């Protein structure tokens, strides 16, 4: 699976990084970014939890 962050919707709350630190981090711009090209199988469940937990719905699965 792949994940994508919509920068226009992201508020940089950091929930995704807290839930899936192997997939997301907060960039220098204060917004979330995906740090892997393809989400490793071992991190897919955490990534899906992060998608569901995003308060603005800024993360989508591709």
PDB file of N, CA and C in Angstrom:
ATOM      1  N   UNK A   1       0.835  -1.181   0.000  1.00  0.00           N
ATOM      2  CA  UNK A   1       0.000   0.000   0.000  1.00  0.00           C
ATOM      3  C   UNK A   1       0.877   1.240   0.000  1.00  0.00           C
ATOM      4  N   UNK A   2       0.295   2.336  -0.435  1.00  0.00           N
ATOM      5  CA  UNK A   2       0.967   3.627  -0.395  1.00  0.00           C
ATOM      6  C   UNK A   2       0.058   4.594   0.348  1.00  0.00           C
ATOM      7  N   UNK A   3       0.672   5.592   0.958  1.00  0.00           N
ATOM      8  CA  UNK A   3      -0.083   6.620   1.657  1.00  0.00           C
ATOM      9  C   UNK A   3       0.328   7.974   1.101  1.00  0.00           C
ATOM     10  N   UNK A   4      -0.598   8.921   1.175  1.00  0.00           N
ATOM     11  CA  UNK A   4      -0.330  10.269   0.681  1.00  0.00           C
ATOM     12  C   UNK A   4      -0.955  11.265   1.640  1.00  0.00           C
ATOM     13  N   UNK A   5      -0.240  12.361   1.891  1.00  0.00           N
ATOM     14  CA  UNK A   5      -0.751  13.419   2.746  1.00  0.00           C
ATOM     15  C   UNK A   5      -1.134  14.610   1.877  1.00  0.00           C
ATOM     16  N   UNK A   6      -2.374  15.063   2.039  1.00  0.00           N
ATOM     17  CA  UNK A   6      -2.837  16.258   1.348  1.00  0.00           C
ATOM     18  C   UNK A   6      -2.388  17.464   2.174  1.00  0.00           C
ATOM     19  N   UNK A   7      -1.375  18.172   1.699  1.00  0.00           N
ATOM     20  CA  UNK A   7      -0.790  19.298   2.441  1.00  0.00           C
ATOM     21  C   UNK A   7      -1.795  20.429   2.665  1.00  0.00           C
ATOM     22  N   UNK A   8      -2.800  20.540   1.803  1.00  0.00           N
ATOM     23  CA  UNK A   8      -3.800  21.592   1.966  1.00  0.00           C
ATOM     24  C   UNK A   8      -4.729  21.330   3.146  1.00  0.00           C
ATOM     25  N   UNK A   9      -4.851  20.051   3.533  1.00  0.00           N
ATOM     26  CA  UNK A   9      -5.731  19.680   4.639  1.00  0.00           C
ATOM     27  C   UNK A   9      -4.983  19.440   5.939  1.00  0.00           C
ATOM     28  N   UNK A  10      -3.713  19.117   5.859  1.00  0.00           N
ATOM     29  CA  UNK A  10      -2.919  18.763   7.038  1.00  0.00           C
ATOM     30  C   UNK A  10      -2.750  19.968   7.955  1.00  0.00           C
ATOM     31  N   UNK A  11      -2.909  19.728   9.266  1.00  0.00           N
ATOM     32  CA  UNK A  11      -2.700  20.785  10.256  1.00  0.00           C
ATOM     33  C   UNK A  11      -1.454  20.515  11.100  1.00  0.00           C
ATOM     34  N   UNK A  12      -0.751  19.416  10.814  1.00  0.00           N
ATOM     35  CA  UNK A  12       0.489  19.109  11.519  1.00  0.00           C
ATOM     36  C   UNK A  12       0.310  18.730  12.971  1.00  0.00           C
ATOM     37  N   UNK A  13      -0.793  18.079  13.296  1.00  0.00           N
ATOM     38  CA  UNK A  13      -1.048  17.730  14.695  1.00  0.00           C
ATOM     39  C   UNK A  13      -0.118  16.634  15.209  1.00  0.00           C
ATOM     40  N   UNK A  14       0.430  15.834  14.298  1.00  0.00           N
ATOM     41  CA  UNK A  14       1.388  14.803  14.685  1.00  0.00           C
ATOM     42  C   UNK A  14       0.796  13.460  15.079  1.00  0.00           C
ATOM     43  N   UNK A  15      -0.524  13.317  14.995  1.00  0.00           N
ATOM     44  CA  UNK A  15      -1.141  12.040  15.363  1.00  0.00           C
ATOM     45  C   UNK A  15      -0.617  10.904  14.495  1.00  0.00           C
ATOM     46  N   UNK A  16      -0.467  11.151  13.203  1.00  0.00           N
ATOM     47  CA  UNK A  16      -0.003  10.097  12.301  1.00  0.00           C
ATOM     48  C   UNK A  16       1.408   9.650  12.658  1.00  0.00           C
ATOM     49  N   UNK A  17       2.265  10.599  12.987  1.00  0.00           N
ATOM     50  CA  UNK A  17       3.637  10.265  13.366  1.00  0.00           C
ATOM     51  C   UNK A  17       3.650   9.468  14.672  1.00  0.00           C
ATOM     52  N   UNK A  18       2.792   9.817  15.600  1.00  0.00           N
ATOM     53  CA  UNK A  18       2.720   9.100  16.869  1.00  0.00           C
ATOM     54  C   UNK A  18       2.229   7.666  16.672  1.00  0.00           C
ATOM     55  N   UNK A  19       1.301   7.479  15.737  1.00  0.00           N
ATOM     56  CA  UNK A  19       0.707   6.155  15.505  1.00  0.00           C
ATOM     57  C   UNK A  19       1.583   5.298  14.594  1.00  0.00           C
ATOM     58  N   UNK A  20       2.145   5.903  13.554  1.00  0.00           N
ATOM     59  CA  UNK A  20       2.931   5.153  12.554  1.00  0.00           C
ATOM     60  C   UNK A  20       4.254   5.880  12.270  1.00  0.00           C
ATOM     61  N   UNK A  21       5.177   5.873  13.238  1.00  0.00           N
ATOM     62  CA  UNK A  21       6.425   6.624  13.066  1.00  0.00           C
ATOM     63  C   UNK A  21       7.339   6.094  11.970  1.00  0.00           C
ATOM     64  N   UNK A  22       7.125   4.864  11.529  1.00  0.00           N
ATOM     65  CA  UNK A  22       7.922   4.310  10.431  1.00  0.00           C
ATOM     66  C   UNK A  22       7.399   4.764   9.069  1.00  0.00           C
ATOM     67  N   UNK A  23       6.253   5.441   9.058  1.00  0.00           N
ATOM     68  CA  UNK A  23       5.612   5.855   7.810  1.00  0.00           C
ATOM     69  C   UNK A  23       5.533   7.374   7.684  1.00  0.00           C
ATOM     70  N   UNK A  24       5.291   8.065   8.803  1.00  0.00           N
ATOM     71  CA  UNK A  24       5.067   9.523   8.765  1.00  0.00           C
ATOM     72  C   UNK A  24       6.046  10.265   9.666  1.00  0.00           C
ATOM     73  N   UNK A  25       6.343  11.492   9.273  1.00  0.00           N
ATOM     74  CA  UNK A  25       7.056  12.416  10.154  1.00  0.00           C
ATOM     75  C   UNK A  25       6.582  13.829   9.848  1.00  0.00           C
ATOM     76  N   UNK A  26       6.845  14.714  10.795  1.00  0.00           N
ATOM     77  CA  UNK A  26       6.509  16.113  10.590  1.00  0.00           C
ATOM     78  C   UNK A  26       7.716  16.777   9.937  1.00  0.00           C
ATOM     79  N   UNK A  27       7.487  17.386   8.791  1.00  0.00           N
ATOM     80  CA  UNK A  27       8.562  18.014   8.023  1.00  0.00           C
ATOM     81  C   UNK A  27       8.922  19.389   8.548  1.00  0.00           C
ATOM     82  N   UNK A  28       9.892  19.987   7.924  1.00  0.00           N
ATOM     83  CA  UNK A  28      10.349  21.326   8.305  1.00  0.00           C
ATOM     84  C   UNK A  28       9.256  22.375   8.160  1.00  0.00           C
ATOM     85  N   UNK A  29       8.269  22.088   7.304  1.00  0.00           N
ATOM     86  CA  UNK A  29       7.154  23.022   7.108  1.00  0.00           C
ATOM     87  C   UNK A  29       6.068  22.876   8.175  1.00  0.00           C
ATOM     88  N   UNK A  30       6.276  21.946   9.125  1.00  0.00           N
ATOM     89  CA  UNK A  30       5.308  21.734  10.196  1.00  0.00           C
ATOM     90  C   UNK A  30       4.159  20.833   9.830  1.00  0.00           C
ATOM     91  N   UNK A  31       4.212  20.270   8.620  1.00  0.00           N
ATOM     92  CA  UNK A  31       3.149  19.386   8.147  1.00  0.00           C
ATOM     93  C   UNK A  31       3.662  17.961   8.029  1.00  0.00           C
ATOM     94  N   UNK A  32       2.731  17.031   8.058  1.00  0.00           N
ATOM     95  CA  UNK A  32       3.089  15.625   7.945  1.00  0.00           C
ATOM     96  C   UNK A  32       3.578  15.285   6.553  1.00  0.00           C
ATOM     97  N   UNK A  33       4.458  14.291   6.488  1.00  0.00           N
ATOM     98  CA  UNK A  33       4.879  13.767   5.191  1.00  0.00           C
ATOM     99  C   UNK A  33       5.121  12.275   5.321  1.00  0.00           C
ATOM    100  N   UNK A  34       4.926  11.586   4.208  1.00  0.00           N
ATOM    101  CA  UNK A  34       5.173  10.155   4.143  1.00  0.00           C
ATOM    102  C   UNK A  34       6.665   9.969   3.878  1.00  0.00           C
ATOM    103  N   UNK A  35       7.314   9.100   4.664  1.00  0.00           N
ATOM    104  CA  UNK A  35       8.757   8.929   4.550  1.00  0.00           C
ATOM    105  C   UNK A  35       9.159   7.614   3.883  1.00  0.00           C
ATOM    106  N   UNK A  36       8.178   6.884   3.356  1.00  0.00           N
ATOM    107  CA  UNK A  36       8.466   5.638   2.633  1.00  0.00           C
ATOM    108  C   UNK A  36       7.729   5.657   1.296  1.00  0.00           C
ATOM    109  N   UNK A  37       8.317   5.039   0.292  1.00  0.00           N
ATOM    110  CA  UNK A  37       7.642   4.943  -1.002  1.00  0.00           C
ATOM    111  C   UNK A  37       6.480   3.970  -0.931  1.00  0.00           C
ATOM    112  N   UNK A  38       6.729   2.854  -0.307  1.00  0.00           N
ATOM    113  CA  UNK A  38       5.726   1.797  -0.152  1.00  0.00           C
ATOM    114  C   UNK A  38       5.675   1.450   1.335  1.00  0.00           C
ATOM    115  N   UNK A  39       4.477   1.426   1.915  1.00  0.00           N
ATOM    116  CA  UNK A  39       4.347   1.101   3.336  1.00  0.00           C
ATOM    117  C   UNK A  39       4.680  -0.374   3.533  1.00  0.00           C
ATOM    118  N   UNK A  40       5.675  -0.677   4.385  1.00  0.00           N
ATOM    119  CA  UNK A  40       6.005  -2.083   4.634  1.00  0.00           C
ATOM    120  C   UNK A  40       4.803  -2.827   5.210  1.00  0.00           C
ATOM    121  N   UNK A  41       4.700  -4.085   4.879  1.00  0.00           N
ATOM    122  CA  UNK A  41       3.574  -4.898   5.338  1.00  0.00           C
ATOM    123  C   UNK A  41       3.437  -4.846   6.859  1.00  0.00           C
ATOM    124  N   UNK A  42       4.564  -4.808   7.542  1.00  0.00           N
ATOM    125  CA  UNK A  42       4.552  -4.791   9.009  1.00  0.00           C
ATOM    126  C   UNK A  42       3.990  -3.485   9.574  1.00  0.00           C
ATOM    127  N   UNK A  43       3.923  -2.442   8.768  1.00  0.00           N
ATOM    128  CA  UNK A  43       3.419  -1.143   9.228  1.00  0.00           C
ATOM    129  C   UNK A  43       2.051  -0.785   8.649  1.00  0.00           C
ATOM    130  N   UNK A  44       1.478  -1.667   7.837  1.00  0.00           N
ATOM    131  CA  UNK A  44       0.203  -1.343   7.186  1.00  0.00           C
ATOM    132  C   UNK A  44      -0.922  -1.084   8.172  1.00  0.00           C
ATOM    133  N   UNK A  45      -1.021  -1.889   9.228  1.00  0.00           N
ATOM    134  CA  UNK A  45      -2.107  -1.699  10.189  1.00  0.00           C
ATOM    135  C   UNK A  45      -1.959  -0.366  10.912  1.00  0.00           C
ATOM    136  N   UNK A  46      -0.738  -0.013  11.316  1.00  0.00           N
ATOM    137  CA  UNK A  46      -0.511   1.279  11.955  1.00  0.00           C
ATOM    138  C   UNK A  46      -0.840   2.420  10.997  1.00  0.00           C
ATOM    139  N   UNK A  47      -0.469   2.263   9.736  1.00  0.00           N
ATOM    140  CA  UNK A  47      -0.750   3.294   8.737  1.00  0.00           C
ATOM    141  C   UNK A  47      -2.254   3.483   8.580  1.00  0.00           C
ATOM    142  N   UNK A  48      -2.994   2.403   8.515  1.00  0.00           N
ATOM    143  CA  UNK A  48      -4.445   2.494   8.393  1.00  0.00           C
ATOM    144  C   UNK A  48      -5.061   3.152   9.626  1.00  0.00           C
ATOM    145  N   UNK A  49      -4.501   2.852  10.811  1.00  0.00           N
ATOM    146  CA  UNK A  49      -4.968   3.503  12.036  1.00  0.00           C
ATOM    147  C   UNK A  49      -4.708   5.011  11.968  1.00  0.00           C
ATOM    148  N   UNK A  50      -3.540   5.389  11.435  1.00  0.00           N
ATOM    149  CA  UNK A  50      -3.205   6.808  11.301  1.00  0.00           C
ATOM    150  C   UNK A  50      -4.161   7.505  10.337  1.00  0.00           C
ATOM    151  N   UNK A  51      -4.491   6.837   9.241  1.00  0.00           N
ATOM    152  CA  UNK A  51      -5.435   7.401   8.270  1.00  0.00           C
ATOM    153  C   UNK A  51      -6.782   7.661   8.944  1.00  0.00           C
ATOM    154  N   UNK A  52      -7.256   6.686   9.711  1.00  0.00           N
ATOM    155  CA  UNK A  52      -8.551   6.817  10.386  1.00  0.00           C
ATOM    156  C   UNK A  52      -8.507   7.858  11.504  1.00  0.00           C
ATOM    157  N   UNK A  53      -7.336   8.061  12.097  1.00  0.00           N
ATOM    158  CA  UNK A  53      -7.207   8.976  13.234  1.00  0.00           C
ATOM    159  C   UNK A  53      -6.933  10.413  12.836  1.00  0.00           C
ATOM    160  N   UNK A  54      -6.615  10.658  11.576  1.00  0.00           N
ATOM    161  CA  UNK A  54      -6.308  12.018  11.136  1.00  0.00           C
ATOM    162  C   UNK A  54      -7.535  12.904  11.323  1.00  0.00           C
ATOM    163  N   UNK A  55      -7.417  13.971  12.125  1.00  0.00           N
ATOM    164  CA  UNK A  55      -8.605  14.789  12.420  1.00  0.00           C
ATOM    165  C   UNK A  55      -9.138  15.570  11.220  1.00  0.00           C
ATOM    166  N   UNK A  56      -8.311  15.758  10.195  1.00  0.00           N
ATOM    167  CA  UNK A  56      -8.789  16.513   9.030  1.00  0.00           C
ATOM    168  C   UNK A  56      -8.970  15.629   7.798  1.00  0.00           C
ATOM    169  N   UNK A  57      -8.693  14.338   7.922  1.00  0.00           N
ATOM    170  CA  UNK A  57      -8.828  13.442   6.782  1.00  0.00           C
ATOM    171  C   UNK A  57      -7.793  13.713   5.693  1.00  0.00           C
ATOM    172  N   UNK A  58      -6.630  14.243   6.105  1.00  0.00           N
ATOM    173  CA  UNK A  58      -5.604  14.637   5.135  1.00  0.00           C
ATOM    174  C   UNK A  58      -4.814  13.473   4.547  1.00  0.00           C
ATOM    175  N   UNK A  59      -4.908  12.307   5.168  1.00  0.00           N
ATOM    176  CA  UNK A  59      -4.138  11.157   4.693  1.00  0.00           C
ATOM    177  C   UNK A  59      -5.055  10.218   3.938  1.00  0.00           C
ATOM    178  N   UNK A  60      -4.587   9.792   2.781  1.00  0.00           N
ATOM    179  CA  UNK A  60      -5.353   8.846   1.982  1.00  0.00           C
ATOM    180  C   UNK A  60      -4.464   7.673   1.586  1.00  0.00           C
ATOM    181  N   UNK A  61      -5.115   6.539   1.389  1.00  0.00           N
ATOM    182  CA  UNK A  61      -4.410   5.354   0.890  1.00  0.00           C
ATOM    183  C   UNK A  61      -4.480   5.372  -0.618  1.00  0.00           C
ATOM    184  N   UNK A  62      -3.366   5.105  -1.244  1.00  0.00           N
ATOM    185  CA  UNK A  62      -3.332   5.067  -2.719  1.00  0.00           C
ATOM    186  C   UNK A  62      -3.269   3.648  -3.200  1.00  0.00           C
TER     187      UNK A  62
END
